[in-house]
């Protein structure tokens, strides 16, 4: 996995460490770090976790699933289908005397009719 090796090298170089320094920090050998970085061998899961923790990045970032070091942030959008039961539940949750509650209730009902706002 060349992307993993490239990310490991990028992280190491970003803090100015040599391969020997990073190897000592994580209990590996310089030659093992070199093999990971050039994609000749794969780092063990424990080693990847140590990189992620030390450099405060996500495993998604190390594996190249995202270019954002904090990882992929999921925007959960539930698939809500319109039903009489759901409509009754929404009605029950809001105070009919409050104008703000009315607006929130209307928004939820509109979202439900559009399928949960999934894009």
PDB file of N, CA and C in Angstrom:
ATOM      1  N   UNK A   1       0.837  -1.176   0.000  1.00  0.00           N
ATOM      2  CA  UNK A   1       0.000   0.000   0.000  1.00  0.00           C
ATOM      3  C   UNK A   1       0.886   1.244   0.000  1.00  0.00           C
ATOM      4  N   UNK A   2       1.093   1.736  -1.173  1.00  0.00           N
ATOM      5  CA  UNK A   2       1.992   2.885  -1.325  1.00  0.00           C
ATOM      6  C   UNK A   2       1.460   4.137  -0.644  1.00  0.00           C
ATOM      7  N   UNK A   3       0.147   4.310  -0.615  1.00  0.00           N
ATOM      8  CA  UNK A   3      -0.409   5.514   0.010  1.00  0.00           C
ATOM      9  C   UNK A   3      -0.091   5.527   1.503  1.00  0.00           C
ATOM     10  N   UNK A   4      -0.140   4.374   2.155  1.00  0.00           N
ATOM     11  CA  UNK A   4       0.174   4.309   3.584  1.00  0.00           C
ATOM     12  C   UNK A   4       1.626   4.707   3.805  1.00  0.00           C
ATOM     13  N   UNK A   5       2.519   4.153   3.016  1.00  0.00           N
ATOM     14  CA  UNK A   5       3.929   4.494   3.145  1.00  0.00           C
ATOM     15  C   UNK A   5       4.188   5.973   2.931  1.00  0.00           C
ATOM     16  N   UNK A   6       3.521   6.532   1.935  1.00  0.00           N
ATOM     17  CA  UNK A   6       3.684   7.963   1.654  1.00  0.00           C
ATOM     18  C   UNK A   6       3.184   8.803   2.827  1.00  0.00           C
ATOM     19  N   UNK A   7       2.062   8.399   3.417  1.00  0.00           N
ATOM     20  CA  UNK A   7       1.532   9.144   4.562  1.00  0.00           C
ATOM     21  C   UNK A   7       2.464   9.025   5.770  1.00  0.00           C
ATOM     22  N   UNK A   8       2.995   7.833   6.007  1.00  0.00           N
ATOM     23  CA  UNK A   8       3.917   7.659   7.131  1.00  0.00           C
ATOM     24  C   UNK A   8       5.158   8.520   6.945  1.00  0.00           C
ATOM     25  N   UNK A   9       5.679   8.540   5.729  1.00  0.00           N
ATOM     26  CA  UNK A   9       6.860   9.365   5.429  1.00  0.00           C
ATOM     27  C   UNK A   9       6.535  10.848   5.610  1.00  0.00           C
ATOM     28  N   UNK A  10       5.374  11.266   5.099  1.00  0.00           N
ATOM     29  CA  UNK A  10       4.943  12.668   5.203  1.00  0.00           C
ATOM     30  C   UNK A  10       4.816  13.095   6.668  1.00  0.00           C
ATOM     31  N   UNK A  11       4.229  12.237   7.491  1.00  0.00           N
ATOM     32  CA  UNK A  11       4.073  12.559   8.908  1.00  0.00           C
ATOM     33  C   UNK A  11       5.430  12.676   9.592  1.00  0.00           C
ATOM     34  N   UNK A  12       6.307  11.717   9.310  1.00  0.00           N
ATOM     35  CA  UNK A  12       7.643  11.723   9.915  1.00  0.00           C
ATOM     36  C   UNK A  12       8.413  12.968   9.519  1.00  0.00           C
ATOM     37  N   UNK A  13       8.425  13.256   8.236  1.00  0.00           N
ATOM     38  CA  UNK A  13       9.172  14.422   7.753  1.00  0.00           C
ATOM     39  C   UNK A  13       8.556  15.727   8.248  1.00  0.00           C
ATOM     40  N   UNK A  14       7.249  15.728   8.454  1.00  0.00           N
ATOM     41  CA  UNK A  14       6.560  16.925   8.919  1.00  0.00           C
ATOM     42  C   UNK A  14       7.053  17.422  10.269  1.00  0.00           C
ATOM     43  N   UNK A  15       7.577  16.507  11.078  1.00  0.00           N
ATOM     44  CA  UNK A  15       8.115  16.909  12.382  1.00  0.00           C
ATOM     45  C   UNK A  15       9.639  16.883  12.388  1.00  0.00           C
ATOM     46  N   UNK A  16      10.228  16.615  11.233  1.00  0.00           N
ATOM     47  CA  UNK A  16      11.684  16.655  11.108  1.00  0.00           C
ATOM     48  C   UNK A  16      12.409  15.465  11.700  1.00  0.00           C
ATOM     49  N   UNK A  17      11.721  14.329  11.841  1.00  0.00           N
ATOM     50  CA  UNK A  17      12.367  13.127  12.362  1.00  0.00           C
ATOM     51  C   UNK A  17      13.046  12.353  11.254  1.00  0.00           C
ATOM     52  N   UNK A  18      14.137  11.702  11.599  1.00  0.00           N
ATOM     53  CA  UNK A  18      14.762  10.753  10.675  1.00  0.00           C
ATOM     54  C   UNK A  18      14.051   9.407  10.839  1.00  0.00           C
ATOM     55  N   UNK A  19      14.308   8.501   9.926  1.00  0.00           N
ATOM     56  CA  UNK A  19      13.721   7.165  10.065  1.00  0.00           C
ATOM     57  C   UNK A  19      14.199   6.501  11.349  1.00  0.00           C
ATOM     58  N   UNK A  20      15.449   6.742  11.713  1.00  0.00           N
ATOM     59  CA  UNK A  20      16.002   6.170  12.947  1.00  0.00           C
ATOM     60  C   UNK A  20      15.272   6.717  14.168  1.00  0.00           C
ATOM     61  N   UNK A  21      15.004   8.013  14.179  1.00  0.00           N
ATOM     62  CA  UNK A  21      14.321   8.622  15.322  1.00  0.00           C
ATOM     63  C   UNK A  21      12.903   8.080  15.478  1.00  0.00           C
ATOM     64  N   UNK A  22      12.194   7.943  14.368  1.00  0.00           N
ATOM     65  CA  UNK A  22      10.810   7.443  14.457  1.00  0.00           C
ATOM     66  C   UNK A  22      10.825   5.967  14.840  1.00  0.00           C
ATOM     67  N   UNK A  23      11.809   5.229  14.355  1.00  0.00           N
ATOM     68  CA  UNK A  23      11.925   3.810  14.707  1.00  0.00           C
ATOM     69  C   UNK A  23      12.138   3.661  16.209  1.00  0.00           C
ATOM     70  N   UNK A  24      13.006   4.475  16.773  1.00  0.00           N
ATOM     71  CA  UNK A  24      13.262   4.420  18.215  1.00  0.00           C
ATOM     72  C   UNK A  24      12.011   4.790  19.005  1.00  0.00           C
ATOM     73  N   UNK A  25      11.289   5.767  18.538  1.00  0.00           N
ATOM     74  CA  UNK A  25      10.076   6.225  19.223  1.00  0.00           C
ATOM     75  C   UNK A  25       9.023   5.121  19.277  1.00  0.00           C
ATOM     76  N   UNK A  26       8.916   4.319  18.202  1.00  0.00           N
ATOM     77  CA  UNK A  26       7.874   3.297  18.112  1.00  0.00           C
ATOM     78  C   UNK A  26       8.386   1.873  18.301  1.00  0.00           C
ATOM     79  N   UNK A  27       9.633   1.723  18.695  1.00  0.00           N
ATOM     80  CA  UNK A  27      10.171   0.392  18.970  1.00  0.00           C
ATOM     81  C   UNK A  27      10.355  -0.464  17.732  1.00  0.00           C
ATOM     82  N   UNK A  28      10.788   0.160  16.656  1.00  0.00           N
ATOM     83  CA  UNK A  28      11.023  -0.561  15.405  1.00  0.00           C
ATOM     84  C   UNK A  28      12.478  -0.351  14.995  1.00  0.00           C
ATOM     85  N   UNK A  29      12.835  -0.872  13.850  1.00  0.00           N
ATOM     86  CA  UNK A  29      14.174  -0.628  13.315  1.00  0.00           C
ATOM     87  C   UNK A  29      14.072   0.379  12.178  1.00  0.00           C
ATOM     88  N   UNK A  30      15.185   1.031  11.890  1.00  0.00           N
ATOM     89  CA  UNK A  30      15.206   2.000  10.793  1.00  0.00           C
ATOM     90  C   UNK A  30      14.875   1.312   9.481  1.00  0.00           C
ATOM     91  N   UNK A  31      15.381   0.091   9.293  1.00  0.00           N
ATOM     92  CA  UNK A  31      15.113  -0.613   8.030  1.00  0.00           C
ATOM     93  C   UNK A  31      13.629  -0.967   7.894  1.00  0.00           C
ATOM     94  N   UNK A  32      12.966  -1.272   9.017  1.00  0.00           N
ATOM     95  CA  UNK A  32      11.526  -1.562   8.961  1.00  0.00           C
ATOM     96  C   UNK A  32      10.756  -0.302   8.562  1.00  0.00           C
ATOM     97  N   UNK A  33      11.109   0.829   9.164  1.00  0.00           N
ATOM     98  CA  UNK A  33      10.451   2.095   8.823  1.00  0.00           C
ATOM     99  C   UNK A  33      10.658   2.401   7.345  1.00  0.00           C
ATOM    100  N   UNK A  34      11.863   2.184   6.861  1.00  0.00           N
ATOM    101  CA  UNK A  34      12.145   2.419   5.440  1.00  0.00           C
ATOM    102  C   UNK A  34      11.273   1.528   4.557  1.00  0.00           C
ATOM    103  N   UNK A  35      11.147   0.259   4.913  1.00  0.00           N
ATOM    104  CA  UNK A  35      10.313  -0.659   4.118  1.00  0.00           C
ATOM    105  C   UNK A  35       8.846  -0.232   4.126  1.00  0.00           C
ATOM    106  N   UNK A  36       8.362   0.255   5.280  1.00  0.00           N
ATOM    107  CA  UNK A  36       6.974   0.740   5.344  1.00  0.00           C
ATOM    108  C   UNK A  36       6.797   1.939   4.417  1.00  0.00           C
ATOM    109  N   UNK A  37       7.734   2.859   4.479  1.00  0.00           N
ATOM    110  CA  UNK A  37       7.617   4.101   3.717  1.00  0.00           C
ATOM    111  C   UNK A  37       7.716   3.896   2.209  1.00  0.00           C
ATOM    112  N   UNK A  38       8.482   2.926   1.771  1.00  0.00           N
ATOM    113  CA  UNK A  38       8.595   2.699   0.322  1.00  0.00           C
ATOM    114  C   UNK A  38       7.601   1.653  -0.184  1.00  0.00           C
ATOM    115  N   UNK A  39       6.783   1.143   0.730  1.00  0.00           N
ATOM    116  CA  UNK A  39       5.741   0.197   0.343  1.00  0.00           C
ATOM    117  C   UNK A  39       6.250  -1.206   0.116  1.00  0.00           C
ATOM    118  N   UNK A  40       7.426  -1.504   0.621  1.00  0.00           N
ATOM    119  CA  UNK A  40       8.003  -2.839   0.455  1.00  0.00           C
ATOM    120  C   UNK A  40       7.382  -3.836   1.433  1.00  0.00           C
ATOM    121  N   UNK A  41       6.937  -3.342   2.572  1.00  0.00           N
ATOM    122  CA  UNK A  41       6.216  -4.187   3.527  1.00  0.00           C
ATOM    123  C   UNK A  41       5.172  -3.325   4.227  1.00  0.00           C
ATOM    124  N   UNK A  42       4.213  -4.003   4.831  1.00  0.00           N
ATOM    125  CA  UNK A  42       3.120  -3.298   5.489  1.00  0.00           C
ATOM    126  C   UNK A  42       3.361  -3.222   6.985  1.00  0.00           C
ATOM    127  N   UNK A  43       3.145  -2.043   7.531  1.00  0.00           N
ATOM    128  CA  UNK A  43       3.261  -1.855   8.976  1.00  0.00           C
ATOM    129  C   UNK A  43       2.130  -2.599   9.668  1.00  0.00           C
ATOM    130  N   UNK A  44       2.433  -3.131  10.832  1.00  0.00           N
ATOM    131  CA  UNK A  44       1.404  -3.816  11.608  1.00  0.00           C
ATOM    132  C   UNK A  44       0.410  -2.797  12.139  1.00  0.00           C
ATOM    133  N   UNK A  45      -0.759  -3.296  12.437  1.00  0.00           N
ATOM    134  CA  UNK A  45      -1.845  -2.457  12.927  1.00  0.00           C
ATOM    135  C   UNK A  45      -1.410  -1.640  14.141  1.00  0.00           C
ATOM    136  N   UNK A  46      -0.710  -2.279  15.084  1.00  0.00           N
ATOM    137  CA  UNK A  46      -0.259  -1.577  16.293  1.00  0.00           C
ATOM    138  C   UNK A  46       0.637  -0.390  15.932  1.00  0.00           C
ATOM    139  N   UNK A  47       1.516  -0.567  14.956  1.00  0.00           N
ATOM    140  CA  UNK A  47       2.411   0.508  14.535  1.00  0.00           C
ATOM    141  C   UNK A  47       1.600   1.654  13.927  1.00  0.00           C
ATOM    142  N   UNK A  48       0.612   1.322  13.112  1.00  0.00           N
ATOM    143  CA  UNK A  48      -0.220   2.360  12.499  1.00  0.00           C
ATOM    144  C   UNK A  48      -0.996   3.132  13.559  1.00  0.00           C
ATOM    145  N   UNK A  49      -1.468   2.439  14.580  1.00  0.00           N
ATOM    146  CA  UNK A  49      -2.162   3.124  15.676  1.00  0.00           C
ATOM    147  C   UNK A  49      -1.216   4.060  16.418  1.00  0.00           C
ATOM    148  N   UNK A  50       0.018   3.636  16.588  1.00  0.00           N
ATOM    149  CA  UNK A  50       0.998   4.499  17.255  1.00  0.00           C
ATOM    150  C   UNK A  50       1.243   5.769  16.434  1.00  0.00           C
ATOM    151  N   UNK A  51       1.361   5.620  15.117  1.00  0.00           N
ATOM    152  CA  UNK A  51       1.508   6.796  14.254  1.00  0.00           C
ATOM    153  C   UNK A  51       0.290   7.710  14.411  1.00  0.00           C
ATOM    154  N   UNK A  52      -0.908   7.123  14.318  1.00  0.00           N
ATOM    155  CA  UNK A  52      -2.134   7.911  14.400  1.00  0.00           C
ATOM    156  C   UNK A  52      -2.216   8.666  15.727  1.00  0.00           C
ATOM    157  N   UNK A  53      -1.906   7.986  16.811  1.00  0.00           N
ATOM    158  CA  UNK A  53      -1.964   8.627  18.130  1.00  0.00           C
ATOM    159  C   UNK A  53      -0.887   9.697  18.275  1.00  0.00           C
ATOM    160  N   UNK A  54       0.323   9.371  17.892  1.00  0.00           N
ATOM    161  CA  UNK A  54       1.424  10.309  18.071  1.00  0.00           C
ATOM    162  C   UNK A  54       1.225  11.584  17.244  1.00  0.00           C
ATOM    163  N   UNK A  55       0.802  11.409  15.980  1.00  0.00           N
ATOM    164  CA  UNK A  55       0.656  12.552  15.085  1.00  0.00           C
ATOM    165  C   UNK A  55      -0.758  13.146  15.117  1.00  0.00           C
ATOM    166  N   UNK A  56      -1.630  12.555  15.941  1.00  0.00           N
ATOM    167  CA  UNK A  56      -3.000  13.030  16.099  1.00  0.00           C
ATOM    168  C   UNK A  56      -3.729  13.112  14.756  1.00  0.00           C
ATOM    169  N   UNK A  57      -3.684  12.000  14.032  1.00  0.00           N
ATOM    170  CA  UNK A  57      -4.408  11.880  12.766  1.00  0.00           C
ATOM    171  C   UNK A  57      -5.279  10.625  12.836  1.00  0.00           C
ATOM    172  N   UNK A  58      -6.202  10.518  11.912  1.00  0.00           N
ATOM    173  CA  UNK A  58      -7.080   9.356  11.890  1.00  0.00           C
ATOM    174  C   UNK A  58      -6.464   8.231  11.066  1.00  0.00           C
ATOM    175  N   UNK A  59      -6.964   7.040  11.294  1.00  0.00           N
ATOM    176  CA  UNK A  59      -6.543   5.904  10.471  1.00  0.00           C
ATOM    177  C   UNK A  59      -7.039   6.090   9.031  1.00  0.00           C
ATOM    178  N   UNK A  60      -8.185   6.739   8.865  1.00  0.00           N
ATOM    179  CA  UNK A  60      -8.669   7.046   7.511  1.00  0.00           C
ATOM    180  C   UNK A  60      -7.632   7.868   6.760  1.00  0.00           C
ATOM    181  N   UNK A  61      -7.020   8.804   7.444  1.00  0.00           N
ATOM    182  CA  UNK A  61      -5.992   9.638   6.817  1.00  0.00           C
ATOM    183  C   UNK A  61      -4.777   8.789   6.442  1.00  0.00           C
ATOM    184  N   UNK A  62      -4.309   7.974   7.364  1.00  0.00           N
ATOM    185  CA  UNK A  62      -3.146   7.126   7.092  1.00  0.00           C
ATOM    186  C   UNK A  62      -3.414   6.198   5.915  1.00  0.00           C
ATOM    187  N   UNK A  63      -4.607   5.646   5.820  1.00  0.00           N
ATOM    188  CA  UNK A  63      -4.942   4.720   4.738  1.00  0.00           C
ATOM    189  C   UNK A  63      -5.333   5.422   3.439  1.00  0.00           C
ATOM    190  N   UNK A  64      -5.320   6.740   3.450  1.00  0.00           N
ATOM    191  CA  UNK A  64      -5.602   7.481   2.228  1.00  0.00           C
ATOM    192  C   UNK A  64      -7.067   7.554   1.873  1.00  0.00           C
ATOM    193  N   UNK A  65      -7.938   7.271   2.815  1.00  0.00           N
ATOM    194  CA  UNK A  65      -9.372   7.350   2.547  1.00  0.00           C
ATOM    195  C   UNK A  65      -9.868   8.782   2.561  1.00  0.00           C
ATOM    196  N   UNK A  66      -9.057   9.678   3.114  1.00  0.00           N
ATOM    197  CA  UNK A  66      -9.369  11.101   3.143  1.00  0.00           C
ATOM    198  C   UNK A  66      -8.064  11.882   3.192  1.00  0.00           C
ATOM    199  N   UNK A  67      -8.127  13.110   2.750  1.00  0.00           N
ATOM    200  CA  UNK A  67      -6.958  13.987   2.840  1.00  0.00           C
ATOM    201  C   UNK A  67      -7.049  14.895   4.063  1.00  0.00           C
ATOM    202  N   UNK A  68      -8.071  14.677   4.879  1.00  0.00           N
ATOM    203  CA  UNK A  68      -8.255  15.461   6.094  1.00  0.00           C
ATOM    204  C   UNK A  68      -7.668  14.679   7.268  1.00  0.00           C
ATOM    205  N   UNK A  69      -6.632  15.215   7.903  1.00  0.00           N
ATOM    206  CA  UNK A  69      -5.997  14.477   8.998  1.00  0.00           C
ATOM    207  C   UNK A  69      -6.944  14.050  10.117  1.00  0.00           C
ATOM    208  N   UNK A  70      -8.004  14.818  10.363  1.00  0.00           N
ATOM    209  CA  UNK A  70      -8.936  14.448  11.422  1.00  0.00           C
ATOM    210  C   UNK A  70      -9.853  13.306  10.994  1.00  0.00           C
ATOM    211  N   UNK A  71      -9.806  12.911   9.743  1.00  0.00           N
ATOM    212  CA  UNK A  71     -10.608  11.789   9.274  1.00  0.00           C
ATOM    213  C   UNK A  71     -11.860  12.226   8.562  1.00  0.00           C
ATOM    214  N   UNK A  72     -12.579  11.241   8.091  1.00  0.00           N
ATOM    215  CA  UNK A  72     -13.833  11.529   7.414  1.00  0.00           C
ATOM    216  C   UNK A  72     -14.891  11.798   8.458  1.00  0.00           C
ATOM    217  N   UNK A  73     -15.543  12.914   8.326  1.00  0.00           N
ATOM    218  CA  UNK A  73     -16.613  13.253   9.236  1.00  0.00           C
ATOM    219  C   UNK A  73     -17.928  12.942   8.540  1.00  0.00           C
ATOM    220  N   UNK A  74     -18.651  12.027   9.111  1.00  0.00           N
ATOM    221  CA  UNK A  74     -19.871  11.578   8.478  1.00  0.00           C
ATOM    222  C   UNK A  74     -21.031  12.491   8.829  1.00  0.00           C
ATOM    223  N   UNK A  75     -21.807  12.824   7.837  1.00  0.00           N
ATOM    224  CA  UNK A  75     -22.996  13.625   8.018  1.00  0.00           C
ATOM    225  C   UNK A  75     -24.173  12.663   7.929  1.00  0.00           C
ATOM    226  N   UNK A  76     -24.599  12.164   9.070  1.00  0.00           N
ATOM    227  CA  UNK A  76     -25.647  11.164   9.106  1.00  0.00           C
ATOM    228  C   UNK A  76     -26.976  11.772   8.699  1.00  0.00           C
ATOM    229  N   UNK A  77     -27.592  11.182   7.717  1.00  0.00           N
ATOM    230  CA  UNK A  77     -28.896  11.630   7.251  1.00  0.00           C
ATOM    231  C   UNK A  77     -29.813  10.412   7.217  1.00  0.00           C
ATOM    232  N   UNK A  78     -30.589  10.245   8.272  1.00  0.00           N
ATOM    233  CA  UNK A  78     -31.450   9.060   8.319  1.00  0.00           C
ATOM    234  C   UNK A  78     -32.493   9.086   7.211  1.00  0.00           C
ATOM    235  N   UNK A  79     -32.845   7.930   6.759  1.00  0.00           N
ATOM    236  CA  UNK A  79     -33.871   7.800   5.737  1.00  0.00           C
ATOM    237  C   UNK A  79     -35.222   7.752   6.450  1.00  0.00           C
ATOM    238  N   UNK A  80     -35.891   8.879   6.471  1.00  0.00           N
ATOM    239  CA  UNK A  80     -37.170   8.985   7.173  1.00  0.00           C
ATOM    240  C   UNK A  80     -38.288   8.924   6.132  1.00  0.00           C
ATOM    241  N   UNK A  81     -39.210   8.041   6.366  1.00  0.00           N
ATOM    242  CA  UNK A  81     -40.335   7.938   5.445  1.00  0.00           C
ATOM    243  C   UNK A  81     -41.578   8.488   6.136  1.00  0.00           C
ATOM    244  N   UNK A  82     -42.420   9.074   5.342  1.00  0.00           N
ATOM    245  CA  UNK A  82     -43.648   9.656   5.875  1.00  0.00           C
ATOM    246  C   UNK A  82     -44.574   8.539   6.321  1.00  0.00           C
ATOM    247  N   UNK A  83     -45.080   8.689   7.533  1.00  0.00           N
ATOM    248  CA  UNK A  83     -46.068   7.733   8.033  1.00  0.00           C
ATOM    249  C   UNK A  83     -46.948   8.464   9.036  1.00  0.00           C
ATOM    250  N   UNK A  84     -48.120   7.952   9.227  1.00  0.00           N
ATOM    251  CA  UNK A  84     -49.044   8.566  10.174  1.00  0.00           C
ATOM    252  C   UNK A  84     -48.468   8.487  11.586  1.00  0.00           C
ATOM    253  N   UNK A  85     -47.794   7.394  11.893  1.00  0.00           N
ATOM    254  CA  UNK A  85     -47.188   7.222  13.214  1.00  0.00           C
ATOM    255  C   UNK A  85     -46.112   8.283  13.461  1.00  0.00           C
ATOM    256  N   UNK A  86     -45.276   8.541  12.461  1.00  0.00           N
ATOM    257  CA  UNK A  86     -44.226   9.547  12.604  1.00  0.00           C
ATOM    258  C   UNK A  86     -44.836  10.940  12.733  1.00  0.00           C
ATOM    259  N   UNK A  87     -45.858  11.221  11.964  1.00  0.00           N
ATOM    260  CA  UNK A  87     -46.536  12.519  12.030  1.00  0.00           C
ATOM    261  C   UNK A  87     -47.108  12.745  13.428  1.00  0.00           C
ATOM    262  N   UNK A  88     -47.722  11.719  14.029  1.00  0.00           N
ATOM    263  CA  UNK A  88     -48.266  11.830  15.381  1.00  0.00           C
ATOM    264  C   UNK A  88     -47.150  12.062  16.395  1.00  0.00           C
ATOM    265  N   UNK A  89     -46.037  11.378  16.217  1.00  0.00           N
ATOM    266  CA  UNK A  89     -44.899  11.548  17.120  1.00  0.00           C
ATOM    267  C   UNK A  89     -44.382  12.985  17.069  1.00  0.00           C
ATOM    268  N   UNK A  90     -44.227  13.530  15.866  1.00  0.00           N
ATOM    269  CA  UNK A  90     -43.748  14.906  15.720  1.00  0.00           C
ATOM    270  C   UNK A  90     -44.736  15.882  16.351  1.00  0.00           C
ATOM    271  N   UNK A  91     -46.022  15.679  16.119  1.00  0.00           N
ATOM    272  CA  UNK A  91     -47.039  16.547  16.723  1.00  0.00           C
ATOM    273  C   UNK A  91     -46.945  16.525  18.246  1.00  0.00           C
ATOM    274  N   UNK A  92     -46.716  15.357  18.811  1.00  0.00           N
ATOM    275  CA  UNK A  92     -46.672  15.199  20.252  1.00  0.00           C
ATOM    276  C   UNK A  92     -45.444  15.898  20.872  1.00  0.00           C
ATOM    277  N   UNK A  93     -44.360  16.031  20.123  1.00  0.00           N
ATOM    278  CA  UNK A  93     -43.099  16.566  20.652  1.00  0.00           C
ATOM    279  C   UNK A  93     -43.076  18.081  20.809  1.00  0.00           C
ATOM    280  N   UNK A  94     -44.020  18.773  20.226  1.00  0.00           N
ATOM    281  CA  UNK A  94     -43.953  20.233  20.220  1.00  0.00           C
ATOM    282  C   UNK A  94     -45.136  20.878  20.929  1.00  0.00           C
ATOM    283  N   UNK A  95     -44.838  21.976  21.612  1.00  0.00           N
ATOM    284  CA  UNK A  95     -45.848  22.764  22.313  1.00  0.00           C
ATOM    285  C   UNK A  95     -46.621  23.589  21.286  1.00  0.00           C
ATOM    286  N   UNK A  96     -47.901  23.356  21.146  1.00  0.00           N
ATOM    287  CA  UNK A  96     -48.678  24.083  20.134  1.00  0.00           C
ATOM    288  C   UNK A  96     -48.784  25.583  20.409  1.00  0.00           C
ATOM    289  N   UNK A  97     -48.506  26.025  21.639  1.00  0.00           N
ATOM    290  CA  UNK A  97     -48.593  27.437  22.003  1.00  0.00           C
ATOM    291  C   UNK A  97     -47.337  28.229  21.629  1.00  0.00           C
ATOM    292  N   UNK A  98     -46.256  27.540  21.312  1.00  0.00           N
ATOM    293  CA  UNK A  98     -44.989  28.211  21.029  1.00  0.00           C
ATOM    294  C   UNK A  98     -44.818  28.429  19.526  1.00  0.00           C
ATOM    295  N   UNK A  99     -44.586  29.691  19.084  1.00  0.00           N
ATOM    296  CA  UNK A  99     -44.402  29.941  17.655  1.00  0.00           C
ATOM    297  C   UNK A  99     -43.123  29.270  17.116  1.00  0.00           C
ATOM    298  N   UNK A 100     -42.083  29.199  17.933  1.00  0.00           N
ATOM    299  CA  UNK A 100     -40.845  28.567  17.480  1.00  0.00           C
ATOM    300  C   UNK A 100     -41.051  27.067  17.313  1.00  0.00           C
ATOM    301  N   UNK A 101     -41.774  26.461  18.232  1.00  0.00           N
ATOM    302  CA  UNK A 101     -42.057  25.033  18.119  1.00  0.00           C
ATOM    303  C   UNK A 101     -42.823  24.733  16.841  1.00  0.00           C
ATOM    304  N   UNK A 102     -43.729  25.636  16.483  1.00  0.00           N
ATOM    305  CA  UNK A 102     -44.496  25.447  15.253  1.00  0.00           C
ATOM    306  C   UNK A 102     -43.596  25.437  14.026  1.00  0.00           C
ATOM    307  N   UNK A 103     -42.616  26.333  14.011  1.00  0.00           N
ATOM    308  CA  UNK A 103     -41.680  26.388  12.880  1.00  0.00           C
ATOM    309  C   UNK A 103     -40.822  25.133  12.819  1.00  0.00           C
ATOM    310  N   UNK A 104     -40.343  24.698  13.975  1.00  0.00           N
ATOM    311  CA  UNK A 104     -39.525  23.482  14.012  1.00  0.00           C
ATOM    312  C   UNK A 104     -40.335  22.264  13.574  1.00  0.00           C
ATOM    313  N   UNK A 105     -41.571  22.195  14.049  1.00  0.00           N
ATOM    314  CA  UNK A 105     -42.444  21.082  13.685  1.00  0.00           C
ATOM    315  C   UNK A 105     -42.689  21.073  12.176  1.00  0.00           C
ATOM    316  N   UNK A 106     -42.967  22.228  11.603  1.00  0.00           N
ATOM    317  CA  UNK A 106     -43.192  22.310  10.158  1.00  0.00           C
ATOM    318  C   UNK A 106     -41.956  21.868   9.376  1.00  0.00           C
ATOM    319  N   UNK A 107     -40.772  22.275   9.858  1.00  0.00           N
ATOM    320  CA  UNK A 107     -39.529  21.889   9.189  1.00  0.00           C
ATOM    321  C   UNK A 107     -39.352  20.377   9.229  1.00  0.00           C
ATOM    322  N   UNK A 108     -39.589  19.774  10.370  1.00  0.00           N
ATOM    323  CA  UNK A 108     -39.468  18.316  10.475  1.00  0.00           C
ATOM    324  C   UNK A 108     -40.451  17.599   9.559  1.00  0.00           C
ATOM    325  N   UNK A 109     -41.661  18.093   9.513  1.00  0.00           N
ATOM    326  CA  UNK A 109     -42.660  17.473   8.640  1.00  0.00           C
ATOM    327  C   UNK A 109     -42.252  17.592   7.168  1.00  0.00           C
ATOM    328  N   UNK A 110     -41.695  18.749   6.793  1.00  0.00           N
ATOM    329  CA  UNK A 110     -41.227  18.928   5.408  1.00  0.00           C
ATOM    330  C   UNK A 110     -40.081  17.977   5.097  1.00  0.00           C
ATOM    331  N   UNK A 111     -39.161  17.838   6.056  1.00  0.00           N
ATOM    332  CA  UNK A 111     -38.038  16.917   5.855  1.00  0.00           C
ATOM    333  C   UNK A 111     -38.539  15.489   5.688  1.00  0.00           C
ATOM    334  N   UNK A 112     -39.524  15.124   6.497  1.00  0.00           N
ATOM    335  CA  UNK A 112     -40.069  13.777   6.430  1.00  0.00           C
ATOM    336  C   UNK A 112     -40.691  13.532   5.044  1.00  0.00           C
ATOM    337  N   UNK A 113     -41.367  14.531   4.514  1.00  0.00           N
ATOM    338  CA  UNK A 113     -42.004  14.365   3.199  1.00  0.00           C
ATOM    339  C   UNK A 113     -40.985  14.276   2.069  1.00  0.00           C
ATOM    340  N   UNK A 114     -39.789  14.848   2.297  1.00  0.00           N
ATOM    341  CA  UNK A 114     -38.741  14.814   1.280  1.00  0.00           C
ATOM    342  C   UNK A 114     -37.823  13.616   1.452  1.00  0.00           C
ATOM    343  N   UNK A 115     -38.136  12.735   2.376  1.00  0.00           N
ATOM    344  CA  UNK A 115     -37.290  11.553   2.563  1.00  0.00           C
ATOM    345  C   UNK A 115     -36.103  11.799   3.458  1.00  0.00           C
ATOM    346  N   UNK A 116     -36.192  12.682   4.423  1.00  0.00           N
ATOM    347  CA  UNK A 116     -35.114  12.907   5.389  1.00  0.00           C
ATOM    348  C   UNK A 116     -34.051  13.860   4.927  1.00  0.00           C
ATOM    349  N   UNK A 117     -34.258  14.528   3.812  1.00  0.00           N
ATOM    350  CA  UNK A 117     -33.289  15.498   3.351  1.00  0.00           C
ATOM    351  C   UNK A 117     -32.042  14.876   2.759  1.00  0.00           C
ATOM    352  N   UNK A 118     -32.071  13.569   2.440  1.00  0.00           N
ATOM    353  CA  UNK A 118     -30.891  12.935   1.846  1.00  0.00           C
ATOM    354  C   UNK A 118     -30.612  13.518   0.479  1.00  0.00           C
ATOM    355  N   UNK A 119     -29.346  13.786   0.241  1.00  0.00           N
ATOM    356  CA  UNK A 119     -28.963  14.410  -1.031  1.00  0.00           C
ATOM    357  C   UNK A 119     -28.392  13.390  -1.974  1.00  0.00           C
TER     358      UNK A 119
END
